[in-house]
PDB file of all heavy atoms in Angstrom:
ATOM      1  N   TYR A   1      82.167 103.442  98.773  1.00  0.00           N
ATOM      2  CA  TYR A   1      83.042 103.178  97.652  1.00  0.00           C
ATOM      3  C   TYR A   1      84.446 103.782  97.876  1.00  0.00           C
ATOM      4  O   TYR A   1      84.670 104.841  98.333  1.00  0.00           O
ATOM      5  CB  TYR A   1      82.442 104.000  96.483  1.00  0.00           C
ATOM      6  CG  TYR A   1      81.162 103.339  95.973  1.00  0.00           C
ATOM      7  CD1 TYR A   1      80.048 103.309  96.654  1.00  0.00           C
ATOM      8  CD2 TYR A   1      81.149 102.677  94.713  1.00  0.00           C
ATOM      9  CE1 TYR A   1      78.853 102.639  96.223  1.00  0.00           C
ATOM     10  CE2 TYR A   1      80.077 101.963  94.197  1.00  0.00           C
ATOM     11  CZ  TYR A   1      78.932 102.031  94.908  1.00  0.00           C
ATOM     12  OH  TYR A   1      77.807 101.385  94.460  1.00  0.00           O
ATOM     13  N   TYR A   2      85.412 102.937  97.444  1.00  0.00           N
ATOM     14  CA  TYR A   2      86.821 103.198  97.704  1.00  0.00           C
ATOM     15  C   TYR A   2      87.485 103.206  96.313  1.00  0.00           C
ATOM     16  O   TYR A   2      87.373 102.181  95.633  1.00  0.00           O
ATOM     17  CB  TYR A   2      87.434 102.214  98.549  1.00  0.00           C
ATOM     18  CG  TYR A   2      86.969 102.117  99.961  1.00  0.00           C
ATOM     19  CD1 TYR A   2      85.894 101.326 100.322  1.00  0.00           C
ATOM     20  CD2 TYR A   2      87.483 102.929 101.032  1.00  0.00           C
ATOM     21  CE1 TYR A   2      85.449 101.304 101.556  1.00  0.00           C
ATOM     22  CE2 TYR A   2      86.969 102.870 102.322  1.00  0.00           C
ATOM     23  CZ  TYR A   2      86.016 101.974 102.582  1.00  0.00           C
ATOM     24  OH  TYR A   2      85.530 101.898 103.898  1.00  0.00           O
ATOM     25  N   CYS A   3      88.203 104.223  96.030  1.00  0.00           N
ATOM     26  CA  CYS A   3      89.040 104.213  94.786  1.00  0.00           C
ATOM     27  C   CYS A   3      90.416 103.637  95.159  1.00  0.00           C
ATOM     28  O   CYS A   3      90.874 103.610  96.379  1.00  0.00           O
ATOM     29  CB  CYS A   3      89.211 105.549  94.131  1.00  0.00           C
ATOM     30  SG  CYS A   3      90.130 106.824  95.154  1.00  0.00           S
ATOM     31  N   TYR A   4      91.039 103.085  94.161  1.00  0.00           N
ATOM     32  CA  TYR A   4      92.387 102.652  94.325  1.00  0.00           C
ATOM     33  C   TYR A   4      93.270 102.900  93.082  1.00  0.00           C
ATOM     34  O   TYR A   4      92.662 103.109  91.974  1.00  0.00           O
ATOM     35  CB  TYR A   4      92.429 101.122  94.744  1.00  0.00           C
ATOM     36  CG  TYR A   4      92.212 100.222  93.590  1.00  0.00           C
ATOM     37  CD1 TYR A   4      93.468  99.698  92.856  1.00  0.00           C
ATOM     38  CD2 TYR A   4      91.020  99.738  93.102  1.00  0.00           C
ATOM     39  CE1 TYR A   4      93.254  98.900  91.766  1.00  0.00           C
ATOM     40  CE2 TYR A   4      90.735  98.998  92.155  1.00  0.00           C
ATOM     41  CZ  TYR A   4      91.966  98.512  91.367  1.00  0.00           C
ATOM     42  OH  TYR A   4      91.811  97.659  90.283  1.00  0.00           O
ATOM     43  N   ALA A   5      94.469 102.918  93.269  1.00  0.00           N
ATOM     44  CA  ALA A   5      95.431 103.072  92.184  1.00  0.00           C
ATOM     45  C   ALA A   5      96.703 102.430  92.475  1.00  0.00           C
ATOM     46  O   ALA A   5      97.222 102.421  93.597  1.00  0.00           O
ATOM     47  CB  ALA A   5      95.656 104.581  91.864  1.00  0.00           C
ATOM     48  N   THR A   6      97.215 101.756  91.418  1.00  0.00           N
ATOM     49  CA  THR A   6      98.568 101.119  91.604  1.00  0.00           C
ATOM     50  C   THR A   6      99.647 102.113  91.009  1.00  0.00           C
ATOM     51  O   THR A   6      99.552 102.540  89.915  1.00  0.00           O
ATOM     52  CB  THR A   6      98.633  99.805  90.815  1.00  0.00           C
ATOM     53  OG1 THR A   6      97.583  98.938  91.270  1.00  0.00           O
ATOM     54  CG2 THR A   6      99.930  99.153  90.967  1.00  0.00           C
ATOM     55  N   VAL A   7     100.450 102.540  91.939  1.00  0.00           N
ATOM     56  CA  VAL A   7     101.212 103.729  91.640  1.00  0.00           C
ATOM     57  C   VAL A   7     102.708 103.559  91.892  1.00  0.00           C
ATOM     58  O   VAL A   7     103.128 102.799  92.771  1.00  0.00           O
ATOM     59  CB  VAL A   7     100.751 104.920  92.538  1.00  0.00           C
ATOM     60  CG1 VAL A   7     101.720 106.098  92.381  1.00  0.00           C
ATOM     61  CG2 VAL A   7      99.318 105.247  92.293  1.00  0.00           C
ATOM     62  N   ARG A   8     103.527 104.099  91.087  1.00  0.00           N
ATOM     63  CA  ARG A   8     104.995 104.236  91.343  1.00  0.00           C
ATOM     64  C   ARG A   8     105.229 105.704  91.721  1.00  0.00           C
ATOM     65  O   ARG A   8     104.848 106.642  91.030  1.00  0.00           O
ATOM     66  CB  ARG A   8     105.897 103.892  90.208  1.00  0.00           C
ATOM     67  CG  ARG A   8     105.808 102.489  89.744  1.00  0.00           C
ATOM     68  CD  ARG A   8     106.546 102.302  88.444  1.00  0.00           C
ATOM     69  NE  ARG A   8     107.998 102.218  88.875  1.00  0.00           N
ATOM     70  CZ  ARG A   8     109.063 102.059  87.844  1.00  0.00           C
ATOM     71  NH1 ARG A   8     108.763 101.864  86.672  1.00  0.00           N
ATOM     72  NH2 ARG A   8     110.301 102.052  88.304  1.00  0.00           N
ATOM     73  N   SER A   9     105.812 105.956  92.871  1.00  0.00           N
ATOM     74  CA  SER A   9     106.048 107.295  93.392  1.00  0.00           C
ATOM     75  C   SER A   9     107.306 107.889  92.710  1.00  0.00           C
ATOM     76  O   SER A   9     107.532 109.062  92.758  1.00  0.00           O
ATOM     77  CB  SER A   9     106.132 107.341  94.898  1.00  0.00           C
ATOM     78  OG  SER A   9     107.155 106.488  95.381  1.00  0.00           O
ATOM     79  N   SER A  10     108.168 106.905  92.256  1.00  0.00           N
ATOM     80  CA  SER A  10     109.299 107.456  91.605  1.00  0.00           C
ATOM     81  C   SER A  10     109.824 106.177  90.720  1.00  0.00           C
ATOM     82  O   SER A  10     109.364 105.073  90.853  1.00  0.00           O
ATOM     83  CB  SER A  10     110.473 107.880  92.492  1.00  0.00           C
ATOM     84  OG  SER A  10     111.099 106.790  93.076  1.00  0.00           O
ATOM     85  N   SER A  11     110.751 106.494  89.785  1.00  0.00           N
ATOM     86  CA  SER A  11     111.265 105.431  88.926  1.00  0.00           C
ATOM     87  C   SER A  11     112.146 104.419  89.711  1.00  0.00           C
ATOM     88  O   SER A  11     112.502 103.358  89.120  1.00  0.00           O
ATOM     89  CB  SER A  11     112.117 106.024  87.819  1.00  0.00           C
ATOM     90  OG  SER A  11     113.192 106.733  88.263  1.00  0.00           O
ATOM     91  N   LEU A  12     112.493 104.748  90.900  1.00  0.00           N
ATOM     92  CA  LEU A  12     113.330 103.847  91.808  1.00  0.00           C
ATOM     93  C   LEU A  12     112.444 102.932  92.635  1.00  0.00           C
ATOM     94  O   LEU A  12     113.075 102.126  93.431  1.00  0.00           O
ATOM     95  CB  LEU A  12     114.260 104.692  92.735  1.00  0.00           C
ATOM     96  CG  LEU A  12     115.122 105.725  91.974  1.00  0.00           C
ATOM     97  CD1 LEU A  12     115.951 106.499  92.950  1.00  0.00           C
ATOM     98  CD2 LEU A  12     116.115 104.924  91.015  1.00  0.00           C
ATOM     99  N   GLN A  13     111.147 103.018  92.630  1.00  0.00           N
ATOM    100  CA  GLN A  13     110.218 102.289  93.513  1.00  0.00           C
ATOM    101  C   GLN A  13     109.381 101.400  92.664  1.00  0.00           C
ATOM    102  O   GLN A  13     108.991 101.732  91.524  1.00  0.00           O
ATOM    103  CB  GLN A  13     109.440 103.170  94.376  1.00  0.00           C
ATOM    104  CG  GLN A  13     110.331 103.887  95.360  1.00  0.00           C
ATOM    105  CD  GLN A  13     109.474 104.778  96.322  1.00  0.00           C
ATOM    106  OE1 GLN A  13     108.540 105.383  95.935  1.00  0.00           O
ATOM    107  NE2 GLN A  13     109.851 104.808  97.654  1.00  0.00           N
ATOM    108  N   PRO A  14     108.957 100.259  93.202  1.00  0.00           N
ATOM    109  CA  PRO A  14     108.009  99.452  92.462  1.00  0.00           C
ATOM    110  C   PRO A  14     106.533  99.973  92.637  1.00  0.00           C
ATOM    111  O   PRO A  14     106.287 100.922  93.379  1.00  0.00           O
ATOM    112  CB  PRO A  14     108.086  98.069  93.291  1.00  0.00           C
ATOM    113  CG  PRO A  14     108.385  98.567  94.647  1.00  0.00           C
ATOM    114  CD  PRO A  14     109.281  99.709  94.531  1.00  0.00           C
ATOM    115  N   TYR A  15     105.643  99.456  91.808  1.00  0.00           N
ATOM    116  CA  TYR A  15     104.211  99.778  91.965  1.00  0.00           C
ATOM    117  C   TYR A  15     103.683  99.256  93.248  1.00  0.00           C
ATOM    118  O   TYR A  15     103.980  98.225  93.771  1.00  0.00           O
ATOM    119  CB  TYR A  15     103.444  99.153  90.857  1.00  0.00           C
ATOM    120  CG  TYR A  15     103.581  99.832  89.560  1.00  0.00           C
ATOM    121  CD1 TYR A  15     104.356  99.386  88.493  1.00  0.00           C
ATOM    122  CD2 TYR A  15     102.919 101.051  89.262  1.00  0.00           C
ATOM    123  CE1 TYR A  15     104.493 100.019  87.250  1.00  0.00           C
ATOM    124  CE2 TYR A  15     102.957 101.667  88.090  1.00  0.00           C
ATOM    125  CZ  TYR A  15     103.790 101.204  87.054  1.00  0.00           C
ATOM    126  OH  TYR A  15     103.934 101.917  85.983  1.00  0.00           O
ATOM    127  N   ARG A  16     102.921 100.129  93.908  1.00  0.00           N
ATOM    128  CA  ARG A  16     102.162  99.801  95.160  1.00  0.00           C
ATOM    129  C   ARG A  16     100.677 100.364  94.963  1.00  0.00           C
ATOM    130  O   ARG A  16     100.440 101.236  94.263  1.00  0.00           O
ATOM    131  CB  ARG A  16     102.786 100.539  96.357  1.00  0.00           C
ATOM    132  CG  ARG A  16     104.145 100.063  96.735  1.00  0.00           C
ATOM    133  CD  ARG A  16     104.774 100.663  97.975  1.00  0.00           C
ATOM    134  NE  ARG A  16     106.074 100.156  98.240  1.00  0.00           N
ATOM    135  CZ  ARG A  16     106.741 100.588  99.328  1.00  0.00           C
ATOM    136  NH1 ARG A  16     106.234 101.520 100.177  1.00  0.00           N
ATOM    137  NH2 ARG A  16     107.909 100.094  99.579  1.00  0.00           N
ATOM    138  N   THR A  17      99.834  99.591  95.669  1.00  0.00           N
ATOM    139  CA  THR A  17      98.424 100.013  95.550  1.00  0.00           C
ATOM    140  C   THR A  17      98.139 100.974  96.764  1.00  0.00           C
ATOM    141  O   THR A  17      98.384 100.744  97.949  1.00  0.00           O
ATOM    142  CB  THR A  17      97.591  98.770  95.728  1.00  0.00           C
ATOM    143  OG1 THR A  17      97.847  97.880  94.663  1.00  0.00           O
ATOM    144  CG2 THR A  17      96.099  99.084  95.662  1.00  0.00           C
ATOM    145  N   TYR A  18      97.385 102.069  96.489  1.00  0.00           N
ATOM    146  CA  TYR A  18      96.932 103.010  97.414  1.00  0.00           C
ATOM    147  C   TYR A  18      95.515 103.139  97.363  1.00  0.00           C
ATOM    148  O   TYR A  18      94.902 102.892  96.273  1.00  0.00           O
ATOM    149  CB  TYR A  18      97.660 104.308  97.082  1.00  0.00           C
ATOM    150  CG  TYR A  18      99.114 104.411  97.369  1.00  0.00           C
ATOM    151  CD1 TYR A  18      99.926 103.994  96.232  1.00  0.00           C
ATOM    152  CD2 TYR A  18      99.682 104.657  98.442  1.00  0.00           C
ATOM    153  CE1 TYR A  18     101.338 103.989  96.431  1.00  0.00           C
ATOM    154  CE2 TYR A  18     101.033 104.708  98.660  1.00  0.00           C
ATOM    155  CZ  TYR A  18     101.825 104.299  97.649  1.00  0.00           C
ATOM    156  OH  TYR A  18     103.203 104.290  97.844  1.00  0.00           O
ATOM    157  N   TRP A  19      94.897 103.620  98.466  1.00  0.00           N
ATOM    158  CA  TRP A  19      93.477 103.613  98.557  1.00  0.00           C
ATOM    159  C   TRP A  19      92.937 105.052  98.909  1.00  0.00           C
ATOM    160  O   TRP A  19      93.581 105.733  99.671  1.00  0.00           O
ATOM    161  CB  TRP A  19      92.955 102.726  99.687  1.00  0.00           C
ATOM    162  CG  TRP A  19      93.186 101.267  99.361  1.00  0.00           C
ATOM    163  CD1 TRP A  19      94.298 100.569  99.458  1.00  0.00           C
ATOM    164  CD2 TRP A  19      92.245 100.310  98.713  1.00  0.00           C
ATOM    165  NE1 TRP A  19      94.222  99.319  99.106  1.00  0.00           N
ATOM    166  CE2 TRP A  19      92.949  99.179  98.540  1.00  0.00           C
ATOM    167  CE3 TRP A  19      90.955 100.459  98.266  1.00  0.00           C
ATOM    168  CZ2 TRP A  19      92.310  97.967  98.045  1.00  0.00           C
ATOM    169  CZ3 TRP A  19      90.373  99.383  97.807  1.00  0.00           C
ATOM    170  CH2 TRP A  19      91.026  98.060  97.671  1.00  0.00           C
ATOM    171  N   GLY A  20      91.798 105.329  98.389  1.00  0.00           N
ATOM    172  CA  GLY A  20      91.131 106.573  98.890  1.00  0.00           C
ATOM    173  C   GLY A  20      90.451 106.425 100.245  1.00  0.00           C
ATOM    174  O   GLY A  20      90.473 105.271 100.808  1.00  0.00           O
ATOM    175  N   GLN A  21      89.886 107.425 100.736  1.00  0.00           N
ATOM    176  CA  GLN A  21      89.409 107.433 102.096  1.00  0.00           C
ATOM    177  C   GLN A  21      88.022 106.822 102.241  1.00  0.00           C
ATOM    178  O   GLN A  21      87.478 106.540 103.232  1.00  0.00           O
ATOM    179  CB  GLN A  21      89.327 108.836 102.703  1.00  0.00           C
ATOM    180  CG  GLN A  21      88.154 109.692 102.226  1.00  0.00           C
ATOM    181  CD  GLN A  21      88.425 110.414 100.905  1.00  0.00           C
ATOM    182  OE1 GLN A  21      89.347 110.032 100.109  1.00  0.00           O
ATOM    183  NE2 GLN A  21      87.630 111.405 100.649  1.00  0.00           N
ATOM    184  N   GLY A  22      87.382 106.500 101.032  1.00  0.00           N
ATOM    185  CA  GLY A  22      86.078 106.040 101.030  1.00  0.00           C
ATOM    186  C   GLY A  22      85.037 107.178 100.989  1.00  0.00           C
ATOM    187  O   GLY A  22      85.055 108.223 101.694  1.00  0.00           O
ATOM    188  N   THR A  23      83.918 106.853 100.209  1.00  0.00           N
ATOM    189  CA  THR A  23      82.850 107.793 100.372  1.00  0.00           C
ATOM    190  C   THR A  23      81.551 107.075 100.297  1.00  0.00           C
ATOM    191  O   THR A  23      81.286 106.112  99.493  1.00  0.00           O
ATOM    192  CB  THR A  23      82.790 108.906  99.080  1.00  0.00           C
ATOM    193  OG1 THR A  23      81.843 109.759  99.116  1.00  0.00           O
ATOM    194  CG2 THR A  23      82.729 108.100  97.710  1.00  0.00           C
ATOM    195  N   GLN A  24      80.529 107.513 101.109  1.00  0.00           N
ATOM    196  CA  GLN A  24      79.320 106.762 101.202  1.00  0.00           C
ATOM    197  C   GLN A  24      78.284 107.208 100.031  1.00  0.00           C
ATOM    198  O   GLN A  24      78.171 108.294  99.761  1.00  0.00           O
ATOM    199  CB  GLN A  24      78.623 107.196 102.530  1.00  0.00           C
ATOM    200  CG  GLN A  24      77.188 106.564 102.812  1.00  0.00           C
ATOM    201  CD  GLN A  24      77.311 105.078 102.996  1.00  0.00           C
ATOM    202  OE1 GLN A  24      78.125 104.620 103.739  1.00  0.00           O
ATOM    203  NE2 GLN A  24      76.454 104.313 102.273  1.00  0.00           N
ATOM    204  N   VAL A  25      77.826 106.153  99.449  1.00  0.00           N
ATOM    205  CA  VAL A  25      76.694 106.195  98.420  1.00  0.00           C
ATOM    206  C   VAL A  25      75.500 105.546  99.001  1.00  0.00           C
ATOM    207  O   VAL A  25      75.546 104.368  99.241  1.00  0.00           O
ATOM    208  CB  VAL A  25      77.156 105.714  97.145  1.00  0.00           C
ATOM    209  CG1 VAL A  25      75.985 105.653  96.117  1.00  0.00           C
ATOM    210  CG2 VAL A  25      78.300 106.419  96.555  1.00  0.00           C
ATOM    211  N   THR A  26      74.492 106.244  99.106  1.00  0.00           N
ATOM    212  CA  THR A  26      73.153 105.693  99.575  1.00  0.00           C
ATOM    213  C   THR A  26      72.135 105.867  98.553  1.00  0.00           C
ATOM    214  O   THR A  26      71.859 107.006  98.193  1.00  0.00           O
ATOM    215  CB  THR A  26      72.759 106.305 100.982  1.00  0.00           C
ATOM    216  OG1 THR A  26      73.860 106.200 101.928  1.00  0.00           O
ATOM    217  CG2 THR A  26      71.559 105.701 101.521  1.00  0.00           C
ATOM    218  N   VAL A  27      71.491 104.809  98.253  1.00  0.00           N
ATOM    219  CA  VAL A  27      70.409 104.846  97.239  1.00  0.00           C
ATOM    220  C   VAL A  27      69.145 104.445  97.908  1.00  0.00           C
ATOM    221  O   VAL A  27      68.962 103.370  98.437  1.00  0.00           O
ATOM    222  CB  VAL A  27      70.739 103.845  96.039  1.00  0.00           C
ATOM    223  CG1 VAL A  27      69.654 104.067  95.028  1.00  0.00           C
ATOM    224  CG2 VAL A  27      72.070 104.160  95.461  1.00  0.00           C
TER     225      VAL A  27
END
């Protein structure tokens, strides 16, 4: 499972998508 977020790092930059490192879920 990977989380993501669309983020502006400052008011001078556009939104960009960033990703988490991933975590294993086993059922």
